[in-house]
Each structure stands twice: as structure tokens, then as C-alpha cells.
Amino acid sequence: MSRTLTLEYRGQHRFEMRVTHPTLLEGVLVLSEASRAELSKLLDSEDGEWWADSDGRRLPAAGLFAKSPWAVVDGGSVEKVACRYIKLETGDVLFATGASYGA
């Protein structure tokens, strides 16, 4: 059985995700043609190295999640998540949470 949650990109753009894995934040984005085009535009304009420090090294976990453009919104709470992959054509996604990062 899958559950649905809301993902937010940069605090402004919301997308619905159907979670398909029982323990991972893995699933499928529910995208219309318009929301797929919007997400494609957002991803194309993303700073490719937001996850790196000034020396090009991956940020420590706290910095990585703080700078991530993605968050899960659940009522009044917001949890930053890091995108592992997005397949725009199919909507398949995988996100890391603070608890699952590095696991």
C-alpha cells in the first residue's frame, strides 16, 4: 500500500509524491504535463553544485540538508530531504532523509 506526501522545492513549488517503498522515501511524482514542464524548468535552472563546499567537496550532512532545495511538508512541519535521483520521464524519485543519509 502506498502513501502520498507533499514535496516542496525551494519553499515555493509543491509536488505530490506517491511513496512506493515501505521504509525509503522512494516513489513516483504525480505529474501533469504542466507540472512536469515546471519541474523540468526548475531542475534545468538548479545550481549544479549546491551540495558542495567552496573546495568542491560534498557538504557534511547538516550543511547538505540545510542547503537542499527539497523538503517534505506535512501539515505545519517541514523536513529537509536530499534528492538522490529524479527520472523526469517516469516521475520515479528517491530522496534521503536525515535519518537515512549514509545508510
Protein backbone atom coordinates (compact mmCIF):
# COMPACT_ATOMS: atom_id res chain seq x y z
CA MET A 1 0.00 0.00 0.00
CA SER A 2 1.40 3.39 -0.97
CA ARG A 3 1.03 6.69 0.83
CA THR A 4 1.05 10.18 -0.61
CA LEU A 5 3.03 13.16 0.62
CA THR A 6 3.83 16.69 -0.46
CA LEU A 7 7.31 17.71 -1.60
CA GLU A 8 8.29 21.34 -1.76
CA TYR A 9 11.04 22.78 -3.96
CA ARG A 10 12.74 25.93 -2.67
CA GLY A 11 9.74 26.68 -0.46
CA GLN A 12 7.63 27.72 -3.43
CA HIS A 13 6.77 24.83 -5.72
CA ARG A 14 4.81 21.83 -4.47
CA PHE A 15 4.64 18.36 -5.96
CA GLU A 16 2.73 15.28 -4.88
CA MET A 17 4.68 12.05 -4.39
CA ARG A 18 3.25 8.56 -4.11
CA VAL A 19 5.64 6.63 -1.83
CA THR A 20 6.10 3.05 -3.02
CA HIS A 21 8.73 1.69 -0.64
CA PRO A 22 7.85 0.76 2.95
CA THR A 23 10.99 2.22 4.55
CA LEU A 24 12.66 4.51 2.00
CA LEU A 25 11.49 7.84 0.67
CA GLU A 26 11.17 6.33 -2.79
CA GLY A 27 8.26 6.58 -5.17
CA VAL A 28 6.67 8.37 -8.07
CA LEU A 29 5.87 12.03 -8.52
CA VAL A 30 2.29 12.59 -9.61
CA LEU A 31 2.87 14.93 -12.53
CA SER A 32 0.57 16.52 -15.07
CA GLU A 33 2.06 17.82 -18.31
CA ALA A 34 2.18 21.31 -16.78
CA SER A 35 3.83 20.22 -13.52
CA ARG A 36 6.34 18.03 -15.41
CA ALA A 37 7.29 21.06 -17.54
CA GLU A 38 7.54 23.22 -14.40
CA LEU A 39 9.78 20.69 -12.66
CA SER A 40 11.94 20.32 -15.76
CA LYS A 41 12.46 24.09 -15.84
CA LEU A 42 13.32 24.17 -12.13
CA LEU A 43 15.82 21.34 -12.45
CA ASP A 44 17.44 22.93 -15.50
CA SER A 45 17.98 26.16 -13.60
CA GLU A 46 19.28 24.46 -10.43
CA ASP A 47 22.76 25.32 -9.23
CA GLY A 48 24.52 22.07 -10.07
CA GLU A 49 26.85 22.20 -7.10
CA TRP A 50 24.64 23.41 -4.24
CA TRP A 51 25.75 20.28 -2.35
CA ALA A 52 29.46 21.20 -2.41
CA ASP A 53 31.63 23.45 -0.28
CA SER A 54 33.98 26.07 -1.76
CA ASP A 55 36.60 23.37 -2.35
CA GLY A 56 34.15 21.20 -4.31
CA ARG A 57 33.77 18.60 -1.54
CA ARG A 58 30.39 17.24 -0.50
CA LEU A 59 28.99 19.15 2.44
CA PRO A 60 28.66 17.38 5.79
CA ALA A 61 25.13 16.06 6.39
CA ALA A 62 23.90 19.11 8.33
CA GLY A 63 25.03 21.50 5.60
CA LEU A 64 23.79 19.24 2.83
CA PHE A 65 20.26 19.10 4.21
CA ALA A 66 20.24 22.80 5.11
CA LYS A 67 21.11 23.76 1.51
CA SER A 68 18.92 21.16 -0.20
CA PRO A 69 16.15 22.71 -2.30
CA TRP A 70 13.77 19.87 -1.35
CA ALA A 71 11.58 19.35 1.71
CA VAL A 72 8.68 17.17 2.79
CA VAL A 73 5.75 19.23 4.02
CA ASP A 74 3.37 17.56 6.44
CA GLY A 75 0.83 19.90 7.94
CA GLY A 76 2.84 22.52 9.79
CA SER A 77 6.12 20.61 9.79
CA VAL A 78 8.83 20.78 7.14
CA GLU A 79 11.66 18.24 6.89
CA LYS A 80 14.53 18.91 4.51
CA VAL A 81 15.42 15.98 2.25
CA ALA A 82 18.15 15.44 -0.34
CA CYS A 83 17.28 14.16 -3.79
CA ARG A 84 19.19 11.04 -4.82
CA TYR A 85 17.59 10.82 -8.27
CA ILE A 86 14.69 12.03 -10.35
CA LYS A 87 13.67 10.41 -13.63
CA LEU A 88 11.58 13.18 -15.10
CA GLU A 89 10.19 10.97 -17.87
CA THR A 90 8.60 8.50 -15.43
CA GLY A 91 8.41 10.57 -12.24
CA ASP A 92 10.49 7.98 -10.34
CA VAL A 93 12.29 9.58 -7.38
CA LEU A 94 14.43 8.69 -4.39
CA PHE A 95 15.15 11.08 -1.53
CA ALA A 96 17.40 10.76 1.51
CA THR A 97 16.21 11.93 4.89
CA GLY A 98 18.48 12.94 7.74
CA ALA A 99 17.82 9.52 9.29
CA SER A 100 18.54 7.54 6.12
CA TYR A 101 21.51 9.57 4.86
CA GLY A 102 24.63 7.46 4.62
CA ALA A 103 22.72 4.27 5.41
